Structures are given as C-alpha cells and as structure tokens.
Amino acid sequence: MFSRNRFQNILKFLHLVDTKKLPKRNDPAYRPSQRFKPLLDFVNRKFIRFYNPRRELAVDESLVGTKGKTSMLQYIPSKRSRFGVKFWMLVESVTGYVLQMDVYHGKRFDPTPAKTLQGTNVVMNLMKRSNLLGKGFHVFADSFFDSLNLVK
C-alpha cells in the first residue's frame, strides 16, 4: 500500500506508448484515445479469454466521469457523472461482466460507414471483436441500437 500522493505521481508519469511517435492532432491518423489504446486492447483480450459468457448479453453505453480536458468529453444528463468519456460495452446480462469495450471518440472520429446506423456498427464491432458473432448469443440493447440489420 502506498500514499495517495505516490499513486498520483506514478499515474502522472505512467506512459503506455512513446508519445513522440504518435500522430499529431491535425494528422488524419490521430485518435484521442491513442495514449491508452494499448491498455484498452490488452484488457479486451483478457476479458474474453478468461470468461465463458452465458447466452444473454447486453450492449450499452457507460460514462466514465472525468474533470480533465479531452476532446472525447461527452455530456449525458441521465448519467450519474454527467460529463465524462463514453465507452460502448458488451456485457453479460446476468453478472454484468464486461466482455468487450470500446471508447467513443466523438462524431469527428466516428468510423461508422455511410448508410449504416451508429448503433448497428457498435453492436457488430463489439460482437466481432469478442468472437461471439453468429454463435447463438441473445443480445439485448435499448432503442438506440435497434435496426433491421441487427435483426437479420
């Protein structure tokens, strides 16, 4: 166990990537999450590797509250922390265990193809990356994710 100040210093100087090699803000390859993407990829691989989910899954958004300045900051009045970074999450419905998550970068960086609904794209990407698509799972979601393409 260590003090809060020591933890904050460790957190302050913890770097997951070489920031000199990252694309700059005006570069088309720039993504706001590029500094913590390796950690996100790592935990996503571990989430699905060490747990066999039940048949019922759910997709929803989660807001991680922050007071920091970031271009990924979202405002969702219905959430407990109204300002924060939005994550899309695929979870097991019964336990709430996270199977896959992805950060929402905002409209500017949204990779949703033309003529595809964002909700459809989110569900399909989470299911594909978790390698659960087409394996008989029941996916529950709210009306934001509804589309005929998902029903098929």
Foldseek 3Di string as FASTA:
>chain_A
DDDPVVVVVCVVPDWDDDVVPADDPVDPPDFQCVGCVVVQVVVLVVLLVPDDADQEKEKDKDFDADPDDGQQWAADPVDPRRIGWIKIFIARPPPRRTNHIDTDRDPVPQPDDPPDQSLCVSVVVRCVVSVNPPVNHHYDYDPSNDDPVVVD
